[in-house]
Amino acid sequence: MTEGNHPAMAGTGLLRTLVELLEASHLASVEDVPGLVAEHARHAGLAHVQIYLADLQQNTLRRLGGPGDEPGPDADELRIDGTLPGRAFQEVRVLASSEAGVAEHWWVPLLDGTERVGLLRITAAPGADEGVVERMRHLASLVALILVSKRAYSDSYAKLVRTARMNVAAEMQWNLMPPLTFADRDVTIGAVMEPAYEIGGDAFDYSVRGRIVHVAVFDAMGHDVSAGLSANLAVAACRNHRRQGMELAPNSEAIEDVLIEEFGRATRFVTAVMMQLDVDTGVLTWVNRGHHPPVLIRGGRWISTLTCPPAHPMGLDLGLPVTLCQAHLEPGDRVLLYTDGITEMRNARGEEFGLRRFVDFVIRQNAAGLPVPETLRRLIRKVLDYHDNRLHDDATVLLLEWRGGAI
């Protein structure tokens, strides 16, 4: 009997796997991780472990190789749509590939919080006990944390998850943005940005401070490196002022001062919606700096746009007052922030995707019970298909869901 067969021994093997893998990871590079995982997973009765990472646009799963890795029979690149591993990724659940009713291997989601990093492909040792799936999940949790802790300084990771050449503006934007997904007991936040490899002036931001959640979307004039610089400066200024305790309206005015000081008056400008949510009360407060109003979805229906008297875009210095607006959310409400590249850009026939089509799509996916990240992944696929897979403006969506303590 191997260490992974007997339940008690399997538990001991799992602990040994996790502890030794964690210790070994401290001095490991991203390339070392697959070999270390394969080596230590055997103690928990798990064999032939491969790591697959989702690409930047979440179209494919690409195998991460390295010294000591164990290449498997599956391709190094797998489609997310229309495959069993892709389904495991989309639905965030463990799925088994079987033959004649006997599981051959499992596809196990790699999650950092709610961020879908990729999948593990795992084969259990012969005669593995019924707790094998639980051990796979524990292993996947640790592997995801290790990968996320190392990817920020790994060119290998960045190259693997890219399927096209990225321009300088996009490189700058992606290094600035927080992760595409976040969730805790009170809220879920998801975001998407396209064209992923050519993004210019769009940006989003979010943060949590105690019981207050901040979210924002920015859209800088233009679609080039200068637009990226403007958006970067706006986000950095927003974070700096927020962390000094500045409220929404004065923060937006201070961002404008920074933009004018750097670029001059009415030379570069940025539109934005900046919000904060009190997760205890559901009170949502926001300012609109020349941006499209957010959309409120409640009970699976489009309730309204969150209108607020807009001030001028930051950087134009027109002297319009900044109005602070407020609404009360109900548990389960979803708020959509977006840039005009989603709704206003026209396809080859001169037709806009439009606000109604955009919101209806999100509502339908929500009714299907899909998690927020998968809803947004499918939304951006729909937008790209509508425009023949070519966007000529930045298109960004941020979705904020408030659960109201119901979990």
Protein backbone atom coordinates (compact mmCIF):
# COMPACT_ATOMS: atom_id res chain seq x y z
CA MET A 1 0.00 0.00 0.00
CA THR A 2 1.43 3.38 -1.01
CA GLU A 3 1.34 6.52 1.06
CA GLY A 4 -1.62 7.83 -0.97
CA ASN A 5 -3.92 4.80 -0.69
CA HIS A 6 -4.99 4.58 2.95
CA PRO A 7 -7.13 7.57 4.12
CA ALA A 8 -5.03 8.27 7.21
CA MET A 9 -1.80 7.88 5.29
CA ALA A 10 -3.21 10.02 2.48
CA GLY A 11 -3.88 12.82 4.96
CA THR A 12 -0.32 12.61 6.20
CA GLY A 13 0.92 12.53 2.63
CA LEU A 14 -1.09 15.63 1.76
CA LEU A 15 0.36 17.56 4.68
CA ARG A 16 3.85 16.48 3.68
CA THR A 17 3.16 17.50 0.09
CA LEU A 18 1.91 20.97 1.00
CA VAL A 19 4.61 21.71 3.58
CA GLU A 20 7.52 20.53 1.46
CA LEU A 21 6.18 22.19 -1.68
CA LEU A 22 5.74 25.48 0.16
CA GLU A 23 9.28 25.32 1.58
CA ALA A 24 10.78 24.42 -1.79
CA SER A 25 8.91 27.25 -3.53
CA HIS A 26 10.67 30.04 -1.65
CA LEU A 27 13.80 29.76 -3.80
CA ALA A 28 12.06 28.61 -6.98
CA SER A 29 11.36 30.42 -10.22
CA VAL A 30 8.14 30.05 -12.22
CA GLU A 31 9.90 27.51 -14.45
CA ASP A 32 10.78 25.40 -11.39
CA VAL A 33 7.18 25.12 -10.16
CA PRO A 34 5.93 22.33 -12.47
CA GLY A 35 8.80 20.02 -11.52
CA LEU A 36 8.42 20.73 -7.81
CA VAL A 37 4.67 20.11 -7.95
CA ALA A 38 5.11 16.82 -9.80
CA GLU A 39 7.79 15.71 -7.32
CA HIS A 40 5.90 16.49 -4.11
CA ALA A 41 2.37 15.56 -5.27
CA ARG A 42 3.31 11.87 -5.25
CA HIS A 43 3.32 11.88 -1.44
CA ALA A 44 -0.43 12.60 -1.56
CA GLY A 45 -1.14 9.84 -4.07
CA LEU A 46 -1.29 12.24 -7.01
CA ALA A 47 0.72 11.49 -10.13
CA HIS A 48 1.50 13.03 -13.50
CA VAL A 49 0.59 16.60 -12.52
CA GLN A 50 0.75 19.25 -15.24
CA ILE A 51 0.02 22.96 -14.95
CA TYR A 52 -2.05 24.80 -17.56
CA LEU A 53 -2.38 28.60 -17.46
CA ALA A 54 -5.16 30.66 -19.02
CA ASP A 55 -4.00 33.13 -21.64
CA LEU A 56 -4.60 36.85 -21.23
CA GLN A 57 -7.89 36.81 -23.15
CA GLN A 58 -9.00 33.50 -21.62
CA ASN A 59 -9.35 31.72 -24.94
CA THR A 60 -6.83 28.93 -24.35
CA LEU A 61 -5.08 26.95 -21.63
CA ARG A 62 -1.31 26.67 -22.18
CA ARG A 63 0.94 24.16 -20.43
CA LEU A 64 3.67 25.53 -18.19
CA GLY A 65 6.82 23.45 -18.64
CA GLY A 66 10.16 23.42 -16.91
CA PRO A 67 12.93 21.22 -15.48
CA GLY A 68 11.53 18.01 -13.98
CA ASP A 69 8.15 18.55 -15.60
CA GLU A 70 6.15 15.52 -16.70
CA PRO A 71 4.66 16.17 -20.16
CA GLY A 72 1.34 14.38 -20.53
CA PRO A 73 -0.59 13.01 -23.48
CA ASP A 74 -2.69 16.15 -23.89
CA ALA A 75 -1.70 19.00 -26.18
CA ASP A 76 0.35 21.88 -24.80
CA GLU A 77 -2.49 24.25 -25.75
CA LEU A 78 -6.19 23.54 -25.19
CA ARG A 79 -9.22 25.60 -26.15
CA ILE A 80 -11.38 26.91 -23.31
CA ASP A 81 -14.55 26.80 -25.39
CA GLY A 82 -15.75 23.35 -26.40
CA THR A 83 -13.40 21.16 -24.34
CA LEU A 84 -13.69 19.29 -21.04
CA PRO A 85 -10.81 21.19 -19.40
CA GLY A 86 -12.30 24.42 -20.72
CA ARG A 87 -15.59 23.53 -19.08
CA ALA A 88 -13.81 22.90 -15.77
CA PHE A 89 -12.25 26.36 -16.12
CA GLN A 90 -15.52 28.08 -17.04
CA GLU A 91 -17.62 26.47 -14.33
CA VAL A 92 -14.83 26.46 -11.70
CA ARG A 93 -15.28 22.82 -10.75
CA VAL A 94 -13.27 19.61 -10.78
CA LEU A 95 -14.09 17.41 -13.77
CA ALA A 96 -12.84 13.93 -14.55
CA SER A 97 -11.88 12.56 -17.92
CA SER A 98 -12.93 8.92 -17.92
CA GLU A 99 -12.98 5.84 -20.09
CA ALA A 100 -15.45 2.99 -19.52
CA GLY A 101 -16.68 4.78 -16.40
CA VAL A 102 -13.23 4.82 -14.78
CA ALA A 103 -11.63 8.20 -14.12
CA GLU A 104 -8.31 8.55 -15.88
CA HIS A 105 -7.39 12.04 -14.82
CA TRP A 106 -8.91 15.18 -13.36
CA TRP A 107 -8.96 18.83 -14.35
CA VAL A 108 -8.74 20.98 -11.22
CA PRO A 109 -9.18 24.79 -11.27
CA LEU A 110 -6.29 26.94 -10.09
CA LEU A 111 -7.81 29.81 -8.14
CA ASP A 112 -6.25 32.78 -6.41
CA GLY A 113 -9.26 33.98 -4.49
CA THR A 114 -11.74 34.11 -7.36
CA GLU A 115 -9.16 34.78 -10.08
CA ARG A 116 -9.04 31.83 -12.47
CA VAL A 117 -5.33 31.27 -13.05
CA GLY A 118 -5.67 28.00 -14.96
CA LEU A 119 -5.96 24.26 -14.28
CA LEU A 120 -4.06 21.31 -12.92
CA ARG A 121 -4.23 18.05 -14.87
CA ILE A 122 -3.81 15.28 -12.30
CA THR A 123 -3.77 11.50 -12.39
CA ALA A 124 -4.46 9.75 -9.09
CA ALA A 125 -2.32 6.79 -8.05
CA PRO A 126 -3.97 3.36 -8.55
CA GLY A 127 -6.35 2.48 -5.73
CA ALA A 128 -6.64 6.07 -4.51
CA ASP A 129 -9.24 6.63 -1.78
CA GLU A 130 -12.41 8.69 -2.05
CA GLY A 131 -10.73 11.78 -0.60
CA VAL A 132 -8.55 12.21 -3.66
CA VAL A 133 -10.55 15.14 -5.06
CA GLU A 134 -10.23 17.06 -1.81
CA ARG A 135 -6.46 16.55 -1.90
CA MET A 136 -6.39 17.79 -5.48
CA ARG A 137 -8.20 20.98 -4.48
CA HIS A 138 -5.77 21.63 -1.63
CA LEU A 139 -2.83 21.11 -3.93
CA ALA A 140 -4.34 23.41 -6.56
CA SER A 141 -4.91 26.15 -3.96
CA LEU A 142 -1.26 26.16 -2.96
CA VAL A 143 0.01 25.96 -6.54
CA ALA A 144 -2.14 28.96 -7.51
CA LEU A 145 -0.76 31.02 -4.61
CA ILE A 146 2.81 30.10 -5.54
CA LEU A 147 2.33 31.01 -9.20
CA VAL A 148 0.67 34.34 -8.43
CA SER A 149 3.42 35.23 -5.96
CA LYS A 150 6.06 34.75 -8.67
CA ARG A 151 4.46 35.88 -11.92
CA ALA A 152 5.00 39.61 -11.36
CA TYR A 153 8.73 39.25 -12.02
CA SER A 154 8.62 36.40 -14.53
CA ASP A 155 8.95 37.07 -18.24
CA SER A 156 8.35 33.36 -18.83
CA TYR A 157 4.89 33.61 -17.28
CA ALA A 158 4.07 36.75 -19.25
CA LYS A 159 5.20 35.18 -22.54
CA LEU A 160 3.25 31.99 -21.95
CA VAL A 161 -0.08 33.71 -21.32
CA ARG A 162 0.26 35.96 -24.40
CA THR A 163 -0.84 34.78 -27.82
CA ALA A 164 0.06 37.95 -29.74
CA ARG A 165 2.58 40.80 -29.63
CA MET A 166 1.67 43.46 -27.06
CA ASN A 167 2.27 47.16 -27.68
CA VAL A 168 3.93 49.46 -25.16
CA ALA A 169 0.71 51.18 -24.08
CA ALA A 170 -0.93 47.84 -23.29
CA GLU A 171 2.18 46.65 -21.42
CA MET A 172 1.92 49.74 -19.26
CA GLN A 173 -1.82 49.34 -18.62
CA TRP A 174 -1.72 45.67 -17.68
CA ASN A 175 1.11 46.29 -15.22
CA LEU A 176 -0.99 48.99 -13.56
CA MET A 177 -4.32 47.15 -13.27
CA PRO A 178 -5.37 45.08 -10.25
CA PRO A 179 -6.41 41.44 -10.89
CA LEU A 180 -9.45 41.00 -13.14
CA THR A 181 -11.50 39.42 -10.34
CA PHE A 182 -11.95 39.87 -6.61
CA ALA A 183 -14.49 38.55 -4.12
CA ASP A 184 -15.09 38.47 -0.39
CA ARG A 185 -18.21 37.81 1.70
CA ASP A 186 -19.82 41.08 0.63
CA VAL A 187 -18.90 41.82 -2.97
CA THR A 188 -17.69 40.37 -6.22
CA ILE A 189 -15.79 42.55 -8.69
CA GLY A 190 -14.96 41.51 -12.23
CA ALA A 191 -13.40 43.40 -15.12
CA VAL A 192 -12.33 42.92 -18.74
CA MET A 193 -10.29 45.10 -21.12
CA GLU A 194 -9.96 44.80 -24.89
CA PRO A 195 -8.18 44.92 -27.27
CA ALA A 196 -5.95 43.14 -24.76
CA TYR A 197 -2.71 43.58 -26.73
CA GLU A 198 -3.39 47.11 -27.95
CA ILE A 199 -5.26 48.74 -25.07
CA GLY A 200 -4.49 52.43 -24.88
CA GLY A 201 -6.40 54.85 -22.70
CA ASP A 202 -8.82 52.68 -20.69
CA ALA A 203 -8.17 51.67 -17.09
CA PHE A 204 -10.04 50.41 -14.06
CA ASP A 205 -9.29 50.28 -10.36
CA TYR A 206 -10.76 48.89 -7.15
CA SER A 207 -9.76 48.60 -3.52
CA VAL A 208 -11.13 47.59 -0.13
CA ARG A 209 -10.64 49.63 3.02
CA GLY A 210 -12.44 48.18 5.99
CA ARG A 211 -16.13 48.14 5.11
CA ILE A 212 -15.78 50.48 2.13
CA VAL A 213 -15.20 49.24 -1.42
CA HIS A 214 -13.89 51.64 -4.07
CA VAL A 215 -14.34 51.03 -7.81
CA ALA A 216 -13.56 53.26 -10.78
CA VAL A 217 -13.32 53.24 -14.56
CA PHE A 218 -11.19 55.73 -16.53
CA ASP A 219 -11.13 56.57 -20.24
CA ALA A 220 -8.32 58.80 -21.49
CA MET A 221 -8.50 60.70 -24.76
CA GLY A 222 -6.88 58.80 -27.60
CA HIS A 223 -5.68 55.26 -28.20
CA ASP A 224 -1.90 55.40 -27.97
CA VAL A 225 0.99 55.63 -25.54
CA SER A 226 0.03 59.21 -24.62
CA ALA A 227 -3.48 58.02 -23.72
CA GLY A 228 -1.93 55.25 -21.64
CA LEU A 229 0.25 57.76 -19.82
CA SER A 230 -2.79 59.91 -19.06
CA ALA A 231 -4.78 56.95 -17.75
CA ASN A 232 -1.83 55.70 -15.70
CA LEU A 233 -1.35 59.11 -14.15
CA ALA A 234 -5.08 59.39 -13.34
CA VAL A 235 -5.17 55.96 -11.65
CA ALA A 236 -1.96 56.60 -9.70
CA ALA A 237 -3.22 59.99 -8.54
CA CYS A 238 -6.58 58.50 -7.58
CA ARG A 239 -4.91 55.83 -5.44
CA ASN A 240 -2.51 58.31 -3.86
CA HIS A 241 -5.24 60.75 -2.85
CA ARG A 242 -7.60 57.97 -1.71
CA ARG A 243 -4.93 56.51 0.54
CA GLN A 244 -4.52 59.93 2.14
CA GLY A 245 -8.21 59.88 3.06
CA MET A 246 -9.50 62.15 0.29
CA GLU A 247 -13.20 61.73 -0.61
CA LEU A 248 -14.53 61.17 -4.13
CA ALA A 249 -15.29 64.71 -5.30
CA PRO A 250 -12.10 66.37 -4.05
CA ASN A 251 -10.12 63.35 -5.28
CA SER A 252 -11.42 63.85 -8.82
CA GLU A 253 -10.52 67.55 -8.63
CA ALA A 254 -7.04 66.68 -7.36
CA ILE A 255 -6.61 64.20 -10.24
CA GLU A 256 -7.45 67.01 -12.64
CA ASP A 257 -4.82 69.23 -11.03
CA VAL A 258 -2.21 66.50 -11.52
CA LEU A 259 -3.14 66.04 -15.18
CA ILE A 260 -3.00 69.79 -15.87
CA GLU A 261 0.31 70.15 -14.07
CA GLU A 262 1.82 67.36 -16.18
CA PHE A 263 0.23 67.94 -19.60
CA GLY A 264 -1.11 71.47 -19.52
CA ARG A 265 -4.67 72.78 -19.54
CA ALA A 266 -7.08 71.09 -22.01
CA THR A 267 -4.23 69.14 -23.61
CA ARG A 268 -5.01 65.66 -22.30
CA PHE A 269 -8.24 64.72 -20.58
CA VAL A 270 -9.73 61.68 -18.85
CA THR A 271 -13.36 60.77 -18.21
CA ALA A 272 -14.22 58.66 -15.18
CA VAL A 273 -16.82 57.27 -12.85
CA MET A 274 -15.50 56.89 -9.30
CA MET A 275 -17.61 55.03 -6.73
CA GLN A 276 -17.56 53.81 -3.18
CA LEU A 277 -19.88 51.26 -1.58
CA ASP A 278 -20.60 50.87 2.12
CA VAL A 279 -20.96 47.08 2.30
CA ASP A 280 -22.85 47.23 5.63
CA THR A 281 -25.62 49.54 4.41
CA GLY A 282 -25.56 49.14 0.63
CA VAL A 283 -25.17 52.91 0.19
CA LEU A 284 -23.44 53.59 -3.14
CA THR A 285 -21.85 57.02 -3.64
CA TRP A 286 -20.26 58.22 -6.86
CA VAL A 287 -19.10 61.12 -9.03
CA ASN A 288 -19.23 61.32 -12.80
CA ARG A 289 -16.46 63.14 -14.65
CA GLY A 290 -17.90 63.30 -18.17
CA HIS A 291 -18.39 59.53 -18.44
CA HIS A 292 -21.26 57.23 -19.44
CA PRO A 293 -23.56 56.62 -16.44
CA PRO A 294 -23.36 53.17 -14.83
CA VAL A 295 -26.20 50.64 -15.20
CA LEU A 296 -28.05 49.04 -12.27
CA ILE A 297 -29.29 45.43 -12.65
CA ARG A 298 -31.69 44.22 -9.97
CA GLY A 299 -33.59 40.94 -9.79
CA GLY A 300 -32.38 39.93 -13.24
CA ARG A 301 -33.75 43.10 -14.83
CA TRP A 302 -32.24 46.37 -16.04
CA ILE A 303 -33.61 48.80 -13.48
CA SER A 304 -32.01 52.10 -14.46
CA THR A 305 -28.90 54.02 -15.32
CA LEU A 306 -27.34 55.69 -12.31
CA THR A 307 -27.61 59.26 -13.50
CA CYS A 308 -25.65 62.00 -11.84
CA PRO A 309 -24.98 65.54 -13.11
CA PRO A 310 -21.64 65.07 -14.87
CA ALA A 311 -18.76 67.42 -14.35
CA HIS A 312 -16.34 68.04 -17.20
CA PRO A 313 -13.66 65.44 -18.01
CA MET A 314 -10.61 65.75 -15.80
CA GLY A 315 -7.98 67.92 -17.46
CA LEU A 316 -10.28 70.37 -19.30
CA ASP A 317 -10.59 72.74 -16.33
CA LEU A 318 -14.05 74.04 -17.32
CA GLY A 319 -15.04 74.93 -13.77
CA LEU A 320 -18.19 72.77 -13.65
CA PRO A 321 -19.18 71.65 -10.14
CA VAL A 322 -18.53 68.04 -9.12
CA THR A 323 -21.75 66.52 -7.78
CA LEU A 324 -21.75 63.68 -5.28
CA CYS A 325 -24.64 61.28 -5.97
CA GLN A 326 -26.03 58.46 -3.90
CA ALA A 327 -28.23 55.35 -4.26
CA HIS A 328 -29.24 52.46 -2.01
CA LEU A 329 -28.46 49.01 -3.36
CA GLU A 330 -30.40 45.87 -2.54
CA PRO A 331 -28.74 42.48 -1.92
CA GLY A 332 -27.90 40.87 -5.24
CA ASP A 333 -27.72 44.15 -7.17
CA ARG A 334 -25.12 44.44 -9.92
CA VAL A 335 -23.62 47.72 -11.11
CA LEU A 336 -22.03 47.91 -14.57
CA LEU A 337 -19.38 50.51 -15.38
CA TYR A 338 -18.15 50.62 -18.96
CA THR A 339 -16.37 52.70 -21.58
CA ASP A 340 -17.76 53.77 -24.95
CA GLY A 341 -15.76 51.15 -26.83
CA ILE A 342 -18.32 48.60 -25.62
CA THR A 343 -21.47 50.35 -26.78
CA GLU A 344 -20.65 52.99 -29.40
CA MET A 345 -18.10 51.44 -31.70
CA ARG A 346 -19.62 50.42 -35.05
CA ASN A 347 -19.12 47.19 -36.94
CA ALA A 348 -18.43 46.89 -40.68
CA ARG A 349 -22.13 47.55 -41.38
CA GLY A 350 -22.06 50.77 -39.39
CA GLU A 351 -24.15 49.34 -36.53
CA GLU A 352 -23.36 49.95 -32.86
CA PHE A 353 -23.26 47.10 -30.38
CA GLY A 354 -25.42 49.36 -28.23
CA LEU A 355 -26.28 49.67 -24.56
CA ARG A 356 -29.41 47.50 -24.77
CA ARG A 357 -27.58 44.56 -26.36
CA PHE A 358 -24.76 44.92 -23.83
CA VAL A 359 -27.00 44.91 -20.75
CA ASP A 360 -29.33 42.19 -22.06
CA PHE A 361 -26.37 39.89 -22.65
CA VAL A 362 -25.14 40.34 -19.07
CA ILE A 363 -28.66 39.69 -17.73
CA ARG A 364 -29.03 36.47 -19.74
CA GLN A 365 -25.68 35.13 -18.55
CA ASN A 366 -26.58 36.01 -14.98
CA ALA A 367 -29.86 34.08 -15.36
CA ALA A 368 -27.82 31.07 -16.48
CA GLY A 369 -26.08 31.09 -13.11
CA LEU A 370 -22.62 31.81 -14.45
CA PRO A 371 -20.03 33.37 -12.14
CA VAL A 372 -19.13 37.01 -12.75
CA PRO A 373 -15.71 36.30 -14.37
CA GLU A 374 -17.26 33.86 -16.85
CA THR A 375 -20.10 36.27 -17.66
CA LEU A 376 -17.56 38.95 -18.58
CA ARG A 377 -15.38 36.51 -20.52
CA ARG A 378 -18.38 35.57 -22.67
CA LEU A 379 -19.44 39.20 -23.00
CA ILE A 380 -16.12 40.25 -24.48
CA ARG A 381 -16.23 37.27 -26.86
CA LYS A 382 -19.65 38.50 -28.00
CA VAL A 383 -18.36 42.04 -28.52
CA LEU A 384 -15.34 40.82 -30.46
CA ASP A 385 -17.47 38.56 -32.66
CA TYR A 386 -19.80 41.49 -33.39
CA HIS A 387 -16.83 43.53 -34.62
CA ASP A 388 -15.22 40.68 -36.61
CA ASN A 389 -12.60 40.21 -33.88
CA ARG A 390 -11.15 43.68 -34.42
CA LEU A 391 -11.73 46.63 -32.08
CA HIS A 392 -10.64 50.13 -33.06
CA ASP A 393 -11.26 51.62 -29.61
CA ASP A 394 -10.69 50.46 -26.06
CA ALA A 395 -13.57 48.51 -24.53
CA THR A 396 -13.66 48.05 -20.76
CA VAL A 397 -16.31 46.71 -18.37
CA LEU A 398 -16.26 46.56 -14.59
CA LEU A 399 -19.05 44.72 -12.76
CA LEU A 400 -19.69 45.23 -9.04
CA GLU A 401 -22.05 42.80 -7.28
CA TRP A 402 -23.20 43.43 -3.71
CA ARG A 403 -24.47 40.42 -1.81
CA GLY A 404 -25.57 42.31 1.26
CA GLY A 405 -24.09 39.82 3.66
CA ALA A 406 -26.06 36.93 2.12
CA ILE A 407 -23.60 34.16 1.36
